[in-house]
Amino acid sequence: MTPSIPPDPAAQASRLARQLNAVLRELNALERRHICCPDITVQQCATLIVLQETGGTESMGELAEALGLAISTLTRNVSVLEKQGLVRRERATHDARVSTVCLTARGHTRAQELLAVSIAACEKILSQLTASHRAQVVELLDELVWAVSSLRSDPLCCT
């Protein structure tokens, strides 16, 4: 039985925080167990998928922003992926100070495989819901992604 939604906005926010934390924990565990392989971390998987979704090439700065990572963390992840032959680094033609990260042919293949496994996992998750709930979840998640991404530049903590 689903608990009733509290009428108080602060109570709703508290419940949402608990629910999101639970979903994130479960999704992270799912990714570690079933989506990413032993030779690649969840962050490295995300790096490959973001590169695939953005056309295969991004600057280090744009990629770090998209992943929500510090440049130093991204640099370490990219170094591992580069050693595995999944990405390569290049200097931008317009500015030699800018490094870009490009998927290699192997990287494209690996990203497609990771994305296919991720989609299959989402299909299994959605199959446990009614058709009307599936549509609602997908629609509301679009709104939630927008709302969350609008806070990227809002210093909520650690300022």
C-alpha atoms as a PDB file:
ATOM      1  CA  MET A   1       0.000   0.000   0.000  1.00  0.00           C
ATOM      2  CA  THR A   2       1.351   3.433  -0.965  1.00  0.00           C
ATOM      3  CA  PRO A   3       1.471   5.902   1.927  1.00  0.00           C
ATOM      4  CA  SER A   4      -0.635   9.029   1.509  1.00  0.00           C
ATOM      5  CA  ILE A   5       1.107  12.169   0.273  1.00  0.00           C
ATOM      6  CA  PRO A   6       1.555  14.661   3.108  1.00  0.00           C
ATOM      7  CA  PRO A   7      -0.154  18.030   2.511  1.00  0.00           C
ATOM      8  CA  ASP A   8       2.677  20.084   4.026  1.00  0.00           C
ATOM      9  CA  PRO A   9       5.352  21.172   1.460  1.00  0.00           C
ATOM     10  CA  ALA A  10       8.161  20.594   3.982  1.00  0.00           C
ATOM     11  CA  ALA A  11       6.884  17.060   4.652  1.00  0.00           C
ATOM     12  CA  GLN A  12       6.597  16.463   0.895  1.00  0.00           C
ATOM     13  CA  ALA A  13      10.190  17.622   0.432  1.00  0.00           C
ATOM     14  CA  SER A  14      11.342  15.349   3.229  1.00  0.00           C
ATOM     15  CA  ARG A  15       9.543  12.375   1.700  1.00  0.00           C
ATOM     16  CA  LEU A  16      10.920  13.208  -1.759  1.00  0.00           C
ATOM     17  CA  ALA A  17      14.465  13.375  -0.351  1.00  0.00           C
ATOM     18  CA  ARG A  18      14.078   9.937   1.248  1.00  0.00           C
ATOM     19  CA  GLN A  19      12.550   8.471  -1.919  1.00  0.00           C
ATOM     20  CA  LEU A  20      15.211   9.932  -4.217  1.00  0.00           C
ATOM     21  CA  ASN A  21      17.992   8.687  -1.946  1.00  0.00           C
ATOM     22  CA  ALA A  22      16.459   5.207  -1.963  1.00  0.00           C
ATOM     23  CA  VAL A  23      16.068   5.226  -5.766  1.00  0.00           C
ATOM     24  CA  LEU A  24      19.636   6.480  -6.252  1.00  0.00           C
ATOM     25  CA  ARG A  25      21.026   3.778  -3.944  1.00  0.00           C
ATOM     26  CA  GLU A  26      19.084   1.067  -5.769  1.00  0.00           C
ATOM     27  CA  LEU A  27      20.065   2.369  -9.216  1.00  0.00           C
ATOM     28  CA  ASN A  28      23.730   2.654  -8.207  1.00  0.00           C
ATOM     29  CA  ALA A  29      23.671  -0.920  -6.929  1.00  0.00           C
ATOM     30  CA  LEU A  30      21.936  -2.065 -10.120  1.00  0.00           C
ATOM     31  CA  GLU A  31      24.542  -0.298 -12.262  1.00  0.00           C
ATOM     32  CA  ARG A  32      27.442  -1.807 -10.293  1.00  0.00           C
ATOM     33  CA  ARG A  33      25.980  -5.324 -10.423  1.00  0.00           C
ATOM     34  CA  HIS A  34      24.505  -5.540 -13.893  1.00  0.00           C
ATOM     35  CA  ILE A  35      25.277  -2.630 -16.197  1.00  0.00           C
ATOM     36  CA  CYS A  36      28.947  -1.793 -15.710  1.00  0.00           C
ATOM     37  CA  CYS A  37      31.513  -4.524 -16.065  1.00  0.00           C
ATOM     38  CA  PRO A  38      34.357  -5.242 -13.609  1.00  0.00           C
ATOM     39  CA  ASP A  39      36.856  -3.336 -15.770  1.00  0.00           C
ATOM     40  CA  ILE A  40      34.899  -0.070 -15.757  1.00  0.00           C
ATOM     41  CA  THR A  41      33.388   2.035 -12.965  1.00  0.00           C
ATOM     42  CA  VAL A  42      29.904   3.514 -12.878  1.00  0.00           C
ATOM     43  CA  GLN A  43      31.372   6.992 -13.507  1.00  0.00           C
ATOM     44  CA  GLN A  44      33.362   5.688 -16.461  1.00  0.00           C
ATOM     45  CA  CYS A  45      30.187   4.054 -17.844  1.00  0.00           C
ATOM     46  CA  ALA A  46      28.402   7.385 -17.489  1.00  0.00           C
ATOM     47  CA  THR A  47      31.271   9.120 -19.286  1.00  0.00           C
ATOM     48  CA  LEU A  48      30.975   6.783 -22.270  1.00  0.00           C
ATOM     49  CA  ILE A  49      27.184   7.107 -22.396  1.00  0.00           C
ATOM     50  CA  VAL A  50      27.260  10.920 -22.190  1.00  0.00           C
ATOM     51  CA  LEU A  51      29.847  11.033 -24.969  1.00  0.00           C
ATOM     52  CA  GLN A  52      27.662   8.717 -27.067  1.00  0.00           C
ATOM     53  CA  GLU A  53      24.564  10.843 -26.453  1.00  0.00           C
ATOM     54  CA  THR A  54      26.362  14.097 -27.330  1.00  0.00           C
ATOM     55  CA  GLY A  55      27.820  12.921 -30.620  1.00  0.00           C
ATOM     56  CA  GLY A  56      31.040  11.301 -29.466  1.00  0.00           C
ATOM     57  CA  THR A  57      33.167  14.390 -28.729  1.00  0.00           C
ATOM     58  CA  GLU A  58      33.060  16.887 -25.852  1.00  0.00           C
ATOM     59  CA  SER A  59      35.474  19.295 -24.236  1.00  0.00           C
ATOM     60  CA  MET A  60      36.714  18.243 -20.806  1.00  0.00           C
ATOM     61  CA  GLY A  61      34.865  21.213 -19.287  1.00  0.00           C
ATOM     62  CA  GLU A  62      31.546  20.392 -20.972  1.00  0.00           C
ATOM     63  CA  LEU A  63      31.893  16.727 -20.088  1.00  0.00           C
ATOM     64  CA  ALA A  64      32.699  17.506 -16.449  1.00  0.00           C
ATOM     65  CA  GLU A  65      29.649  19.778 -16.269  1.00  0.00           C
ATOM     66  CA  ALA A  66      27.377  17.169 -17.857  1.00  0.00           C
ATOM     67  CA  LEU A  67      28.583  14.506 -15.419  1.00  0.00           C
ATOM     68  CA  GLY A  68      28.686  16.770 -12.363  1.00  0.00           C
ATOM     69  CA  LEU A  69      32.359  15.921 -11.792  1.00  0.00           C
ATOM     70  CA  ALA A  70      35.423  17.948 -10.963  1.00  0.00           C
ATOM     71  CA  ILE A  71      37.901  18.194 -13.848  1.00  0.00           C
ATOM     72  CA  SER A  72      40.500  16.294 -11.772  1.00  0.00           C
ATOM     73  CA  THR A  73      38.116  13.358 -11.271  1.00  0.00           C
ATOM     74  CA  LEU A  74      37.141  13.368 -14.921  1.00  0.00           C
ATOM     75  CA  THR A  75      40.820  13.464 -15.932  1.00  0.00           C
ATOM     76  CA  ARG A  76      41.499  10.301 -13.926  1.00  0.00           C
ATOM     77  CA  ASN A  77      38.443   8.557 -15.428  1.00  0.00           C
ATOM     78  CA  VAL A  78      39.371   9.595 -18.961  1.00  0.00           C
ATOM     79  CA  SER A  79      42.947   8.347 -18.439  1.00  0.00           C
ATOM     80  CA  VAL A  80      41.634   4.874 -17.568  1.00  0.00           C
ATOM     81  CA  LEU A  81      39.250   4.874 -20.537  1.00  0.00           C
ATOM     82  CA  GLU A  82      42.078   6.043 -22.789  1.00  0.00           C
ATOM     83  CA  LYS A  83      44.333   3.181 -21.628  1.00  0.00           C
ATOM     84  CA  GLN A  84      41.495   0.772 -22.473  1.00  0.00           C
ATOM     85  CA  GLY A  85      41.254   2.250 -25.969  1.00  0.00           C
ATOM     86  CA  LEU A  86      37.704   3.537 -25.443  1.00  0.00           C
ATOM     87  CA  VAL A  87      38.430   7.272 -25.768  1.00  0.00           C
ATOM     88  CA  ARG A  88      41.191   9.531 -26.994  1.00  0.00           C
ATOM     89  CA  ARG A  89      42.102  13.065 -25.986  1.00  0.00           C
ATOM     90  CA  GLU A  90      42.779  15.769 -28.533  1.00  0.00           C
ATOM     91  CA  ARG A  91      43.498  19.478 -28.481  1.00  0.00           C
ATOM     92  CA  ALA A  92      40.659  21.637 -29.782  1.00  0.00           C
ATOM     93  CA  THR A  93      41.435  23.186 -33.143  1.00  0.00           C
ATOM     94  CA  HIS A  94      40.027  26.568 -32.074  1.00  0.00           C
ATOM     95  CA  ASP A  95      42.006  26.766 -28.800  1.00  0.00           C
ATOM     96  CA  ALA A  96      45.044  24.647 -27.933  1.00  0.00           C
ATOM     97  CA  ARG A  97      44.319  25.114 -24.210  1.00  0.00           C
ATOM     98  CA  VAL A  98      41.086  23.140 -24.565  1.00  0.00           C
ATOM     99  CA  SER A  99      41.183  19.341 -24.474  1.00  0.00           C
ATOM    100  CA  THR A 100      38.432  17.342 -26.075  1.00  0.00           C
ATOM    101  CA  VAL A 101      37.526  13.731 -25.389  1.00  0.00           C
ATOM    102  CA  CYS A 102      36.434  11.567 -28.318  1.00  0.00           C
ATOM    103  CA  LEU A 103      34.992   8.082 -28.364  1.00  0.00           C
ATOM    104  CA  THR A 104      37.028   5.586 -30.354  1.00  0.00           C
ATOM    105  CA  ALA A 105      35.272   2.942 -32.464  1.00  0.00           C
ATOM    106  CA  ARG A 106      35.640   0.561 -29.493  1.00  0.00           C
ATOM    107  CA  GLY A 107      34.259   3.268 -27.226  1.00  0.00           C
ATOM    108  CA  HIS A 108      31.190   3.754 -29.454  1.00  0.00           C
ATOM    109  CA  THR A 109      30.549   0.014 -29.415  1.00  0.00           C
ATOM    110  CA  ARG A 110      30.985  -0.184 -25.631  1.00  0.00           C
ATOM    111  CA  ALA A 111      28.721   2.829 -25.040  1.00  0.00           C
ATOM    112  CA  GLN A 112      26.009   1.283 -27.236  1.00  0.00           C
ATOM    113  CA  GLU A 113      26.280  -1.982 -25.288  1.00  0.00           C
ATOM    114  CA  LEU A 114      26.054  -0.134 -21.942  1.00  0.00           C
ATOM    115  CA  LEU A 115      23.083   1.880 -23.139  1.00  0.00           C
ATOM    116  CA  ALA A 116      21.308  -1.273 -24.368  1.00  0.00           C
ATOM    117  CA  VAL A 117      21.772  -2.953 -20.973  1.00  0.00           C
ATOM    118  CA  SER A 118      20.557   0.193 -19.223  1.00  0.00           C
ATOM    119  CA  ILE A 119      17.452   0.343 -21.431  1.00  0.00           C
ATOM    120  CA  ALA A 120      16.751  -3.347 -20.775  1.00  0.00           C
ATOM    121  CA  ALA A 121      16.976  -2.706 -17.022  1.00  0.00           C
ATOM    122  CA  CYS A 122      14.542   0.214 -17.356  1.00  0.00           C
ATOM    123  CA  GLU A 123      12.140  -1.982 -19.333  1.00  0.00           C
ATOM    124  CA  LYS A 124      12.175  -4.503 -16.473  1.00  0.00           C
ATOM    125  CA  ILE A 125      11.572  -1.735 -13.942  1.00  0.00           C
ATOM    126  CA  LEU A 126       8.678  -0.266 -15.945  1.00  0.00           C
ATOM    127  CA  SER A 127       7.154  -3.704 -16.568  1.00  0.00           C
ATOM    128  CA  GLN A 128       6.374  -3.879 -12.855  1.00  0.00           C
ATOM    129  CA  LEU A 129       4.073  -0.860 -13.145  1.00  0.00           C
ATOM    130  CA  THR A 130       0.645  -0.500 -14.709  1.00  0.00           C
ATOM    131  CA  ALA A 131       0.506   1.083 -18.173  1.00  0.00           C
ATOM    132  CA  SER A 132      -0.937   4.329 -16.815  1.00  0.00           C
ATOM    133  CA  HIS A 133       1.690   4.508 -14.071  1.00  0.00           C
ATOM    134  CA  ARG A 134       4.484   3.858 -16.606  1.00  0.00           C
ATOM    135  CA  ALA A 135       3.376   6.845 -18.653  1.00  0.00           C
ATOM    136  CA  GLN A 136       3.037   9.012 -15.538  1.00  0.00           C
ATOM    137  CA  VAL A 137       6.467   8.034 -14.219  1.00  0.00           C
ATOM    138  CA  VAL A 138       8.195   8.821 -17.513  1.00  0.00           C
ATOM    139  CA  GLU A 139       6.369  12.143 -17.874  1.00  0.00           C
ATOM    140  CA  LEU A 140       6.978  13.209 -14.286  1.00  0.00           C
ATOM    141  CA  LEU A 141      10.639  12.210 -14.463  1.00  0.00           C
ATOM    142  CA  ASP A 142      11.046  14.602 -17.406  1.00  0.00           C
ATOM    143  CA  GLU A 143       9.731  17.385 -15.175  1.00  0.00           C
ATOM    144  CA  LEU A 144      11.890  16.257 -12.262  1.00  0.00           C
ATOM    145  CA  VAL A 145      15.038  16.232 -14.412  1.00  0.00           C
ATOM    146  CA  TRP A 146      14.246  19.774 -15.525  1.00  0.00           C
ATOM    147  CA  ALA A 147      13.616  20.916 -11.933  1.00  0.00           C
ATOM    148  CA  VAL A 148      16.807  19.306 -10.633  1.00  0.00           C
ATOM    149  CA  SER A 149      18.961  20.610 -13.488  1.00  0.00           C
ATOM    150  CA  SER A 150      17.668  24.133 -12.853  1.00  0.00           C
ATOM    151  CA  LEU A 151      19.424  23.988  -9.459  1.00  0.00           C
ATOM    152  CA  ARG A 152      22.911  23.329 -10.883  1.00  0.00           C
ATOM    153  CA  SER A 153      24.010  26.906 -10.383  1.00  0.00           C
ATOM    154  CA  ASP A 154      22.113  27.337  -7.089  1.00  0.00           C
ATOM    155  CA  PRO A 155      24.533  26.992  -4.142  1.00  0.00           C
ATOM    156  CA  LEU A 156      22.488  24.795  -1.799  1.00  0.00           C
ATOM    157  CA  CYS A 157      25.433  23.928   0.413  1.00  0.00           C
ATOM    158  CA  CYS A 158      29.198  23.948   0.691  1.00  0.00           C
ATOM    159  CA  THR A 159      29.578  27.614  -0.158  1.00  0.00           C
END
